[in-house]
Protein backbone atom coordinates (compact mmCIF):
# COMPACT_ATOMS: atom_id res chain seq x y z
CA UNK A 1 6.87 -21.40 -5.64
CA UNK A 2 3.96 -20.38 -7.49
CA UNK A 3 0.54 -22.33 -6.76
CA UNK A 4 -2.18 -22.96 -9.48
CA UNK A 5 -5.67 -23.60 -9.12
CA UNK A 6 -7.27 -26.91 -11.08
CA UNK A 7 -10.04 -25.37 -12.09
CA UNK A 8 -8.73 -22.03 -13.69
CA UNK A 9 -5.89 -24.64 -15.55
CA UNK A 10 -9.33 -25.62 -17.72
CA UNK A 11 -10.10 -22.43 -19.23
CA UNK A 12 -8.73 -22.23 -22.41
CA UNK A 13 -6.21 -19.22 -22.81
CA UNK A 14 -5.85 -18.52 -18.83
CA UNK A 15 -2.51 -18.13 -17.80
CA UNK A 16 -2.32 -17.72 -14.08
CA UNK A 17 -0.25 -18.58 -10.83
CA UNK A 18 -0.33 -17.25 -7.24
CA UNK A 19 2.64 -16.74 -5.16
CA UNK A 20 4.83 -14.22 -2.92
CA UNK A 21 7.21 -11.75 -4.25
CA UNK A 22 10.00 -13.29 -6.47
CA UNK A 23 8.03 -16.25 -6.96
CA UNK A 24 6.45 -15.46 -10.43
CA UNK A 25 8.45 -13.13 -12.77
CA UNK A 26 6.17 -10.44 -14.40
CA UNK A 27 5.89 -10.55 -18.24
CA UNK A 28 7.09 -6.80 -19.78
CA UNK A 29 3.56 -6.67 -20.98
CA UNK A 30 1.93 -6.98 -17.73
CA UNK A 31 -1.21 -4.63 -16.39
CA UNK A 32 -1.42 -4.21 -12.76
CA UNK A 33 -3.07 -1.81 -10.63
CA UNK A 34 -1.68 1.04 -8.13
CA UNK A 35 -4.64 0.17 -5.83
CA UNK A 36 -5.53 3.12 -3.64
CA UNK A 37 -8.94 1.53 -1.92
CA UNK A 38 -10.88 3.35 -4.22
CA UNK A 39 -13.64 2.63 -6.98
CA UNK A 40 -11.47 3.14 -10.13
CA UNK A 41 -11.89 0.43 -12.47
CA UNK A 42 -9.93 0.68 -15.79
CA UNK A 43 -10.07 -1.16 -18.93
CA UNK A 44 -6.81 -2.36 -20.66
CA UNK A 45 -7.11 -2.16 -24.35
CA UNK A 46 -5.26 -2.12 -27.62
CA UNK A 47 -2.45 0.26 -27.91
CA UNK A 48 -1.95 0.80 -24.04
CA UNK A 49 1.48 0.76 -22.33
CA UNK A 50 1.90 -2.06 -20.17
CA UNK A 51 2.93 -1.28 -16.36
CA UNK A 52 1.08 0.14 -13.51
CA UNK A 53 -2.33 1.28 -13.84
CA UNK A 54 -3.81 4.32 -11.53
CA UNK A 55 -6.81 2.19 -10.39
CA UNK A 56 -8.21 -0.28 -8.26
CA UNK A 57 -9.75 -2.90 -10.73
CA UNK A 58 -8.86 -3.77 -14.40
CA UNK A 59 -10.82 -5.75 -17.11
CA UNK A 60 -10.28 -6.33 -20.45
CA UNK A 61 -12.45 -7.49 -23.65
CA UNK A 62 -9.23 -8.83 -25.10
CA UNK A 63 -6.16 -10.96 -24.64
CA UNK A 64 -4.24 -9.02 -22.37
CA UNK A 65 -2.17 -10.01 -19.33
CA UNK A 66 -3.44 -8.63 -15.92
CA UNK A 67 -2.18 -9.21 -12.49
CA UNK A 68 -3.06 -8.47 -9.33
CA UNK A 69 -0.65 -7.46 -6.29
CA UNK A 70 -2.60 -7.88 -2.80
CA UNK A 71 -1.29 -7.18 0.71
CA UNK A 72 -4.54 -7.68 3.09
CA UNK A 73 -6.85 -7.41 0.35
CA UNK A 74 -8.85 -10.74 -1.23
CA UNK A 75 -7.97 -10.89 -4.98
CA UNK A 76 -10.82 -11.61 -7.21
CA UNK A 77 -10.33 -13.00 -10.44
CA UNK A 78 -13.39 -13.36 -12.90
CA UNK A 79 -12.85 -15.08 -16.25
CA UNK A 80 -15.42 -15.80 -18.65
């Protein structure tokens, strides 16, 4: 069952959820990383095809769905 953070629910336009495999269905337009423990940061912009991106961090300046898949690393989400 997904977990939702009350402080993130207060941000307009932000949809979020935390869970384990199978808890949250991934939208078809979701961007997420194939993390390699490196330092590659990718900007997600208009016209890019959704799916796995070859980097360690993603950011966007537009309304794009970005996900974080983790194992033993702490996920960090910054929304402004």
